[in-house]
Amino acid sequence: MDHTYRATLTWDGSDGSTGGGYTAYGRNHVGAVPPAEGTFALSADPHFRGDATRANPEQLLVLAASSCQMLSFLHVAATAGLDVLAYDDDAEGLMPGRERPMRITRITLRPTVTVAAGSDVCRFDELMHEAHEGCFIASSLTSEVVLEPTVRVAEPQSAAEERTT
């Protein structure tokens, strides 16, 4: 079965047109991913005359890689019986200024995964790698996607805490 993904984009030129050259037009635009509700306020990276208060395409690419890795990991963890309580990532994309063509060459994902007390984490690295192999976004990129995961085991709750939750 084929899967298709839609995105819409609107730029209205209200901040100036391209007729005045590279510095004359605004970079702010709005994107959406129907049928999801809502829009994203987007711009260019501030280094390319964009608005730093809005997300830019480079950040969205890093976010997509991070989100895909998390969803893939939650799938393999659930299948393997690993009880994941939380997943946080501090991802970063690198776009060297001198490389041509300019592109993001490396995305580093730094997930911190919290698992339930008593969890067997001996297969954690294997599961993280399996998730990476199954991540559709990472598989679609020519950029290197590097994983630097950390696993934490939650503290066991006391008997009193367990009764109140």
N, C-alpha and C. Protein backbone atom coordinates (compact mmCIF):
# COMPACT_ATOMS: atom_id res chain seq x y z
N MET A 1 0.84 -1.19 0.00
CA MET A 1 0.00 0.00 0.00
C MET A 1 0.88 1.24 0.00
N ASP A 2 0.59 2.17 -0.89
CA ASP A 2 1.31 3.44 -0.93
C ASP A 2 0.74 4.39 0.11
N HIS A 3 1.59 5.25 0.63
CA HIS A 3 1.18 6.28 1.58
C HIS A 3 1.58 7.62 0.99
N THR A 4 0.69 8.59 1.07
CA THR A 4 1.02 9.94 0.62
C THR A 4 0.82 10.90 1.78
N TYR A 5 1.60 11.96 1.76
CA TYR A 5 1.55 12.95 2.83
C TYR A 5 1.44 14.32 2.21
N ARG A 6 0.44 15.08 2.64
CA ARG A 6 0.21 16.41 2.11
C ARG A 6 0.74 17.48 3.03
N ALA A 7 1.15 18.55 2.43
CA ALA A 7 1.50 19.76 3.15
C ALA A 7 1.10 20.93 2.27
N THR A 8 0.62 21.99 2.90
CA THR A 8 0.28 23.19 2.16
C THR A 8 1.11 24.34 2.69
N LEU A 9 1.32 25.32 1.84
CA LEU A 9 2.17 26.44 2.19
C LEU A 9 1.60 27.70 1.57
N THR A 10 1.64 28.81 2.33
CA THR A 10 1.16 30.08 1.81
C THR A 10 2.16 31.18 2.16
N TRP A 11 2.57 31.91 1.16
CA TRP A 11 3.37 33.12 1.30
C TRP A 11 2.66 34.18 0.48
N ASP A 12 2.34 35.32 1.10
CA ASP A 12 1.50 36.29 0.39
C ASP A 12 2.23 37.53 -0.09
N GLY A 13 3.50 37.63 0.14
CA GLY A 13 4.23 38.80 -0.35
C GLY A 13 3.91 40.10 0.34
N SER A 14 3.17 40.05 1.45
CA SER A 14 2.78 41.28 2.13
C SER A 14 3.97 42.02 2.74
N ASP A 15 5.06 41.32 2.95
CA ASP A 15 6.27 41.96 3.51
C ASP A 15 7.22 42.39 2.40
N GLY A 16 6.75 42.45 1.18
CA GLY A 16 7.58 42.86 0.05
C GLY A 16 7.73 41.74 -0.96
N SER A 17 7.87 42.13 -2.20
CA SER A 17 8.02 41.13 -3.26
C SER A 17 9.49 40.93 -3.60
N THR A 18 9.74 39.95 -4.44
CA THR A 18 11.12 39.67 -4.85
C THR A 18 11.61 40.66 -5.90
N GLY A 19 10.70 41.52 -6.38
CA GLY A 19 11.09 42.52 -7.39
C GLY A 19 12.18 43.45 -6.93
N GLY A 20 12.30 43.64 -5.63
CA GLY A 20 13.33 44.53 -5.09
C GLY A 20 14.63 43.83 -4.76
N GLY A 21 14.75 42.56 -5.09
CA GLY A 21 15.99 41.83 -4.81
C GLY A 21 15.91 40.98 -3.55
N TYR A 22 17.04 40.36 -3.22
CA TYR A 22 17.13 39.39 -2.12
C TYR A 22 16.75 39.98 -0.77
N THR A 23 17.08 41.22 -0.53
CA THR A 23 16.83 41.82 0.79
C THR A 23 15.45 42.46 0.91
N ALA A 24 14.68 42.51 -0.17
CA ALA A 24 13.43 43.25 -0.18
C ALA A 24 12.21 42.46 0.28
N TYR A 25 12.24 41.16 0.24
CA TYR A 25 11.03 40.39 0.53
C TYR A 25 11.10 39.70 1.89
N GLY A 26 9.91 39.54 2.49
CA GLY A 26 9.82 38.86 3.78
C GLY A 26 9.87 37.34 3.61
N ARG A 27 10.34 36.67 4.63
CA ARG A 27 10.45 35.21 4.59
C ARG A 27 9.33 34.52 5.35
N ASN A 28 8.48 35.26 6.03
CA ASN A 28 7.43 34.64 6.83
C ASN A 28 6.37 34.01 5.95
N HIS A 29 5.95 32.82 6.34
CA HIS A 29 4.92 32.09 5.62
C HIS A 29 4.21 31.14 6.58
N VAL A 30 3.15 30.52 6.10
CA VAL A 30 2.34 29.64 6.95
C VAL A 30 2.25 28.28 6.26
N GLY A 31 2.42 27.23 7.05
CA GLY A 31 2.30 25.88 6.52
C GLY A 31 1.27 25.09 7.29
N ALA A 32 0.76 24.06 6.67
CA ALA A 32 -0.20 23.17 7.32
C ALA A 32 0.02 21.76 6.78
N VAL A 33 -0.47 20.80 7.52
CA VAL A 33 -0.37 19.39 7.12
C VAL A 33 -1.74 18.73 7.25
N PRO A 34 -2.63 19.03 6.30
CA PRO A 34 -3.99 18.48 6.35
C PRO A 34 -3.96 16.95 6.33
N PRO A 35 -4.86 16.32 7.00
CA PRO A 35 -6.06 16.85 7.62
C PRO A 35 -5.87 17.34 9.06
N ALA A 36 -4.61 17.37 9.55
CA ALA A 36 -4.38 17.88 10.90
C ALA A 36 -4.84 19.33 10.96
N GLU A 37 -5.38 19.71 12.10
CA GLU A 37 -5.86 21.08 12.28
C GLU A 37 -4.71 22.01 12.63
N GLY A 38 -4.88 23.24 12.30
CA GLY A 38 -3.91 24.26 12.68
C GLY A 38 -2.85 24.48 11.62
N THR A 39 -2.09 25.55 11.85
CA THR A 39 -1.02 25.91 10.94
C THR A 39 0.26 26.13 11.72
N PHE A 40 1.36 26.20 10.99
CA PHE A 40 2.66 26.49 11.56
C PHE A 40 3.11 27.84 11.04
N ALA A 41 3.56 28.70 11.93
CA ALA A 41 4.16 29.97 11.52
C ALA A 41 5.62 29.69 11.20
N LEU A 42 6.01 29.89 9.96
CA LEU A 42 7.34 29.53 9.49
C LEU A 42 8.08 30.75 8.96
N SER A 43 9.38 30.61 8.90
CA SER A 43 10.23 31.62 8.29
C SER A 43 11.53 30.94 7.87
N ALA A 44 12.47 31.72 7.40
CA ALA A 44 13.80 31.22 7.09
C ALA A 44 14.64 31.27 8.36
N ASP A 45 15.75 30.56 8.35
CA ASP A 45 16.74 30.67 9.41
C ASP A 45 17.15 32.15 9.50
N PRO A 46 17.37 32.69 10.70
CA PRO A 46 17.77 34.09 10.82
C PRO A 46 19.03 34.44 10.00
N HIS A 47 19.91 33.47 9.77
CA HIS A 47 21.10 33.73 8.95
C HIS A 47 20.74 34.01 7.49
N PHE A 48 19.52 33.64 7.11
CA PHE A 48 19.05 33.87 5.74
C PHE A 48 17.89 34.87 5.74
N ARG A 49 17.97 35.84 6.67
CA ARG A 49 17.03 36.94 6.78
C ARG A 49 15.64 36.53 7.29
N GLY A 50 15.59 35.43 8.03
CA GLY A 50 14.32 34.95 8.58
C GLY A 50 14.04 35.48 9.97
N ASP A 51 12.86 35.15 10.45
CA ASP A 51 12.37 35.57 11.76
C ASP A 51 12.68 34.46 12.78
N ALA A 52 13.52 34.75 13.74
CA ALA A 52 13.95 33.76 14.73
C ALA A 52 12.81 33.31 15.64
N THR A 53 11.70 34.03 15.67
CA THR A 53 10.58 33.63 16.53
C THR A 53 9.69 32.60 15.86
N ARG A 54 9.99 32.25 14.61
CA ARG A 54 9.22 31.25 13.87
C ARG A 54 10.11 30.05 13.56
N ALA A 55 9.48 28.90 13.43
CA ALA A 55 10.22 27.70 13.05
C ALA A 55 10.70 27.84 11.61
N ASN A 56 11.82 27.17 11.30
CA ASN A 56 12.32 27.19 9.93
C ASN A 56 12.39 25.76 9.39
N PRO A 57 12.51 25.58 8.08
CA PRO A 57 12.50 24.25 7.49
C PRO A 57 13.60 23.33 8.03
N GLU A 58 14.76 23.90 8.33
CA GLU A 58 15.86 23.08 8.86
C GLU A 58 15.49 22.50 10.22
N GLN A 59 14.86 23.31 11.06
CA GLN A 59 14.41 22.82 12.37
C GLN A 59 13.35 21.74 12.21
N LEU A 60 12.46 21.93 11.25
CA LEU A 60 11.39 20.94 11.03
C LEU A 60 11.96 19.61 10.56
N LEU A 61 13.03 19.64 9.77
CA LEU A 61 13.68 18.41 9.34
C LEU A 61 14.26 17.67 10.55
N VAL A 62 14.93 18.40 11.43
CA VAL A 62 15.50 17.78 12.64
C VAL A 62 14.37 17.24 13.52
N LEU A 63 13.29 18.01 13.66
CA LEU A 63 12.15 17.57 14.45
C LEU A 63 11.52 16.31 13.86
N ALA A 64 11.41 16.25 12.54
CA ALA A 64 10.84 15.07 11.89
C ALA A 64 11.69 13.83 12.17
N ALA A 65 13.01 13.98 12.11
CA ALA A 65 13.88 12.84 12.41
C ALA A 65 13.74 12.41 13.86
N SER A 66 13.65 13.37 14.76
CA SER A 66 13.50 13.07 16.18
C SER A 66 12.18 12.38 16.47
N SER A 67 11.10 12.92 15.91
CA SER A 67 9.77 12.35 16.13
C SER A 67 9.67 10.93 15.57
N CYS A 68 10.21 10.73 14.38
CA CYS A 68 10.16 9.40 13.77
C CYS A 68 10.94 8.38 14.61
N GLN A 69 12.12 8.78 15.10
CA GLN A 69 12.91 7.87 15.94
C GLN A 69 12.13 7.50 17.19
N MET A 70 11.49 8.50 17.82
CA MET A 70 10.72 8.22 19.03
C MET A 70 9.57 7.26 18.74
N LEU A 71 8.81 7.52 17.70
CA LEU A 71 7.68 6.66 17.38
C LEU A 71 8.14 5.25 17.04
N SER A 72 9.25 5.13 16.32
CA SER A 72 9.79 3.81 16.00
C SER A 72 10.26 3.10 17.26
N PHE A 73 10.90 3.85 18.17
CA PHE A 73 11.37 3.23 19.40
C PHE A 73 10.22 2.77 20.28
N LEU A 74 9.19 3.61 20.42
CA LEU A 74 8.04 3.21 21.23
C LEU A 74 7.42 1.92 20.68
N HIS A 75 7.38 1.79 19.37
CA HIS A 75 6.85 0.58 18.74
C HIS A 75 7.70 -0.65 19.11
N VAL A 76 9.00 -0.56 18.91
CA VAL A 76 9.83 -1.74 19.19
C VAL A 76 9.89 -2.03 20.68
N ALA A 77 9.84 -0.99 21.51
CA ALA A 77 9.84 -1.20 22.96
C ALA A 77 8.56 -1.91 23.39
N ALA A 78 7.43 -1.48 22.87
CA ALA A 78 6.16 -2.12 23.22
C ALA A 78 6.15 -3.57 22.77
N THR A 79 6.65 -3.83 21.58
CA THR A 79 6.70 -5.19 21.05
C THR A 79 7.61 -6.07 21.89
N ALA A 80 8.70 -5.48 22.40
CA ALA A 80 9.67 -6.24 23.20
C ALA A 80 9.28 -6.32 24.68
N GLY A 81 8.23 -5.61 25.07
CA GLY A 81 7.78 -5.65 26.47
C GLY A 81 8.55 -4.71 27.38
N LEU A 82 9.25 -3.71 26.82
CA LEU A 82 9.96 -2.73 27.64
C LEU A 82 8.99 -1.60 27.97
N ASP A 83 8.77 -1.35 29.25
CA ASP A 83 7.80 -0.36 29.73
C ASP A 83 8.42 1.03 29.74
N VAL A 84 8.19 1.81 28.69
CA VAL A 84 8.73 3.17 28.57
C VAL A 84 7.76 4.14 29.21
N LEU A 85 8.26 4.94 30.14
CA LEU A 85 7.44 5.93 30.84
C LEU A 85 7.58 7.33 30.25
N ALA A 86 8.75 7.63 29.70
CA ALA A 86 8.99 8.97 29.14
C ALA A 86 10.11 8.89 28.11
N TYR A 87 10.06 9.83 27.18
CA TYR A 87 11.06 9.90 26.11
C TYR A 87 11.28 11.37 25.81
N ASP A 88 12.47 11.86 26.00
CA ASP A 88 12.82 13.25 25.72
C ASP A 88 14.02 13.26 24.78
N ASP A 89 14.03 14.17 23.84
CA ASP A 89 15.15 14.25 22.91
C ASP A 89 15.62 15.68 22.79
N ASP A 90 16.92 15.85 22.72
CA ASP A 90 17.53 17.15 22.47
C ASP A 90 18.33 16.99 21.18
N ALA A 91 17.64 17.08 20.06
CA ALA A 91 18.22 16.80 18.75
C ALA A 91 18.87 18.05 18.16
N GLU A 92 19.82 17.81 17.27
CA GLU A 92 20.55 18.91 16.67
C GLU A 92 20.95 18.56 15.24
N GLY A 93 20.77 19.50 14.33
CA GLY A 93 21.19 19.31 12.95
C GLY A 93 22.36 20.22 12.64
N LEU A 94 23.30 19.72 11.83
CA LEU A 94 24.48 20.48 11.46
C LEU A 94 24.46 20.74 9.96
N MET A 95 24.56 22.03 9.60
CA MET A 95 24.64 22.42 8.20
C MET A 95 25.91 23.26 8.02
N PRO A 96 27.01 22.63 7.58
CA PRO A 96 28.26 23.37 7.42
C PRO A 96 28.12 24.48 6.38
N GLY A 97 28.61 25.65 6.72
CA GLY A 97 28.47 26.81 5.84
C GLY A 97 29.31 26.75 4.59
N ARG A 98 30.38 25.97 4.61
CA ARG A 98 31.27 25.93 3.45
C ARG A 98 30.97 24.79 2.49
N GLU A 99 30.17 23.83 2.92
CA GLU A 99 29.88 22.68 2.07
C GLU A 99 28.91 23.08 0.96
N ARG A 100 29.16 22.60 -0.23
CA ARG A 100 28.27 22.86 -1.36
C ARG A 100 27.85 21.55 -1.97
N PRO A 101 26.61 21.35 -2.30
CA PRO A 101 25.55 22.30 -1.99
C PRO A 101 25.30 22.32 -0.48
N MET A 102 24.82 23.48 0.00
CA MET A 102 24.52 23.58 1.43
C MET A 102 23.42 22.60 1.77
N ARG A 103 23.63 21.86 2.85
CA ARG A 103 22.66 20.87 3.28
C ARG A 103 22.95 20.49 4.72
N ILE A 104 21.97 19.91 5.36
CA ILE A 104 22.19 19.36 6.69
C ILE A 104 22.92 18.04 6.49
N THR A 105 24.12 17.96 7.03
CA THR A 105 24.95 16.78 6.81
C THR A 105 24.84 15.77 7.95
N ARG A 106 24.42 16.25 9.11
CA ARG A 106 24.39 15.37 10.28
C ARG A 106 23.26 15.79 11.20
N ILE A 107 22.50 14.81 11.65
CA ILE A 107 21.48 15.04 12.67
C ILE A 107 21.84 14.14 13.85
N THR A 108 22.00 14.75 15.00
CA THR A 108 22.33 13.99 16.21
C THR A 108 21.09 13.97 17.10
N LEU A 109 20.64 12.77 17.39
CA LEU A 109 19.50 12.56 18.28
C LEU A 109 20.05 12.13 19.63
N ARG A 110 19.59 12.79 20.68
CA ARG A 110 20.05 12.50 22.04
C ARG A 110 18.86 12.16 22.95
N PRO A 111 18.19 11.05 22.64
CA PRO A 111 17.03 10.71 23.46
C PRO A 111 17.43 10.25 24.86
N THR A 112 16.66 10.70 25.84
CA THR A 112 16.74 10.18 27.20
C THR A 112 15.43 9.45 27.43
N VAL A 113 15.54 8.16 27.65
CA VAL A 113 14.37 7.29 27.77
C VAL A 113 14.27 6.83 29.22
N THR A 114 13.11 7.06 29.83
CA THR A 114 12.86 6.59 31.19
C THR A 114 11.97 5.37 31.11
N VAL A 115 12.44 4.28 31.75
CA VAL A 115 11.68 3.03 31.76
C VAL A 115 11.25 2.73 33.19
N ALA A 116 10.24 1.90 33.31
CA ALA A 116 9.68 1.56 34.62
C ALA A 116 10.71 0.87 35.50
N ALA A 117 10.56 1.05 36.80
CA ALA A 117 11.42 0.37 37.77
C ALA A 117 11.36 -1.13 37.52
N GLY A 118 12.51 -1.76 37.64
CA GLY A 118 12.57 -3.20 37.46
C GLY A 118 12.69 -3.64 36.01
N SER A 119 12.73 -2.69 35.07
CA SER A 119 12.83 -3.03 33.65
C SER A 119 14.20 -3.64 33.35
N ASP A 120 14.21 -4.60 32.46
CA ASP A 120 15.44 -5.20 31.98
C ASP A 120 15.92 -4.36 30.80
N VAL A 121 16.99 -3.62 31.00
CA VAL A 121 17.46 -2.71 29.96
C VAL A 121 18.64 -3.29 29.16
N CYS A 122 18.89 -4.56 29.31
CA CYS A 122 20.03 -5.16 28.61
C CYS A 122 19.90 -5.06 27.09
N ARG A 123 18.69 -4.99 26.56
CA ARG A 123 18.48 -4.90 25.11
C ARG A 123 18.21 -3.47 24.65
N PHE A 124 18.37 -2.50 25.53
CA PHE A 124 18.05 -1.11 25.19
C PHE A 124 18.75 -0.64 23.92
N ASP A 125 20.06 -0.81 23.86
CA ASP A 125 20.81 -0.34 22.69
C ASP A 125 20.36 -1.06 21.42
N GLU A 126 20.11 -2.36 21.54
CA GLU A 126 19.63 -3.13 20.39
C GLU A 126 18.27 -2.61 19.92
N LEU A 127 17.38 -2.33 20.85
CA LEU A 127 16.05 -1.82 20.49
C LEU A 127 16.15 -0.43 19.87
N MET A 128 17.03 0.40 20.40
CA MET A 128 17.22 1.75 19.85
C MET A 128 17.73 1.65 18.42
N HIS A 129 18.66 0.74 18.16
CA HIS A 129 19.18 0.55 16.81
C HIS A 129 18.10 -0.01 15.88
N GLU A 130 17.33 -0.95 16.36
CA GLU A 130 16.22 -1.51 15.57
C GLU A 130 15.23 -0.40 15.20
N ALA A 131 14.94 0.47 16.14
CA ALA A 131 14.04 1.60 15.87
C ALA A 131 14.64 2.52 14.81
N HIS A 132 15.92 2.76 14.90
CA HIS A 132 16.60 3.61 13.92
C HIS A 132 16.50 3.02 12.52
N GLU A 133 16.69 1.73 12.43
CA GLU A 133 16.59 1.05 11.14
C GLU A 133 15.17 1.12 10.57
N GLY A 134 14.18 1.20 11.45
CA GLY A 134 12.79 1.25 11.02
C GLY A 134 12.24 2.66 10.86
N CYS A 135 13.06 3.66 11.12
CA CYS A 135 12.60 5.06 11.03
C CYS A 135 12.54 5.49 9.57
N PHE A 136 11.34 5.77 9.09
CA PHE A 136 11.14 6.13 7.70
C PHE A 136 11.87 7.42 7.32
N ILE A 137 11.90 8.37 8.23
CA ILE A 137 12.53 9.66 7.93
C ILE A 137 14.04 9.49 7.79
N ALA A 138 14.67 8.83 8.76
CA ALA A 138 16.11 8.61 8.68
C ALA A 138 16.48 7.84 7.42
N SER A 139 15.65 6.88 7.05
CA SER A 139 15.91 6.10 5.85
C SER A 139 15.75 6.93 4.58
N SER A 140 15.04 8.03 4.66
CA SER A 140 14.80 8.89 3.50
C SER A 140 15.87 9.94 3.30
N LEU A 141 16.74 10.12 4.26
CA LEU A 141 17.72 11.20 4.22
C LEU A 141 19.09 10.74 3.75
N THR A 142 19.82 11.65 3.12
CA THR A 142 21.23 11.38 2.83
C THR A 142 22.11 11.87 3.97
N SER A 143 21.56 12.65 4.87
CA SER A 143 22.29 13.12 6.04
C SER A 143 22.59 11.95 6.97
N GLU A 144 23.70 12.04 7.65
CA GLU A 144 24.03 11.05 8.68
C GLU A 144 23.11 11.32 9.88
N VAL A 145 22.49 10.28 10.40
CA VAL A 145 21.67 10.41 11.60
C VAL A 145 22.34 9.59 12.69
N VAL A 146 22.78 10.27 13.73
CA VAL A 146 23.55 9.65 14.80
C VAL A 146 22.70 9.57 16.05
N LEU A 147 22.78 8.44 16.74
CA LEU A 147 22.05 8.26 18.00
C LEU A 147 23.01 8.31 19.17
N GLU A 148 22.65 9.10 20.18
CA GLU A 148 23.39 9.16 21.45
C GLU A 148 22.38 8.99 22.58
N PRO A 149 21.82 7.78 22.70
CA PRO A 149 20.74 7.57 23.67
C PRO A 149 21.24 7.37 25.11
N THR A 150 20.35 7.68 26.02
CA THR A 150 20.56 7.44 27.45
C THR A 150 19.30 6.77 27.97
N VAL A 151 19.49 5.77 28.82
CA VAL A 151 18.33 5.12 29.44
C VAL A 151 18.39 5.39 30.94
N ARG A 152 17.24 5.64 31.52
CA ARG A 152 17.11 5.84 32.97
C ARG A 152 16.03 4.90 33.46
N VAL A 153 16.27 4.30 34.60
CA VAL A 153 15.28 3.43 35.21
C VAL A 153 14.62 4.22 36.33
N ALA A 154 13.31 4.31 36.28
CA ALA A 154 12.56 5.07 37.29
C ALA A 154 12.74 4.43 38.66
N GLU A 155 12.68 5.27 39.66
CA GLU A 155 12.75 4.77 41.03
C GLU A 155 11.47 4.03 41.35
N PRO A 156 11.58 2.92 42.07
CA PRO A 156 10.34 2.22 42.45
C PRO A 156 9.52 3.09 43.41
N GLN A 157 8.22 3.03 43.25
CA GLN A 157 7.34 3.78 44.14
C GLN A 157 7.24 3.02 45.46
N SER A 158 7.11 3.79 46.55
CA SER A 158 6.89 3.14 47.85
C SER A 158 5.47 2.59 47.88
N ALA A 159 5.20 1.69 48.78
CA ALA A 159 3.86 1.10 48.89
C ALA A 159 2.80 2.17 49.14
N ALA A 160 3.13 3.21 49.92
CA ALA A 160 2.18 4.29 50.20
C ALA A 160 1.87 5.08 48.94
N GLU A 161 2.91 5.36 48.12
CA GLU A 161 2.69 6.10 46.88
C GLU A 161 1.85 5.29 45.91
N GLU A 162 2.09 3.98 45.84
CA GLU A 162 1.34 3.12 44.92
C GLU A 162 -0.14 3.11 45.26
N ARG A 163 -0.50 3.18 46.56
CA ARG A 163 -1.90 3.17 46.97
C ARG A 163 -2.61 4.45 46.59
N THR A 164 -1.89 5.59 46.53
CA THR A 164 -2.53 6.86 46.25
C THR A 164 -2.58 7.17 44.75
N THR A 165 -1.91 6.41 43.93
CA THR A 165 -1.91 6.71 42.49
C THR A 165 -2.87 5.83 41.74
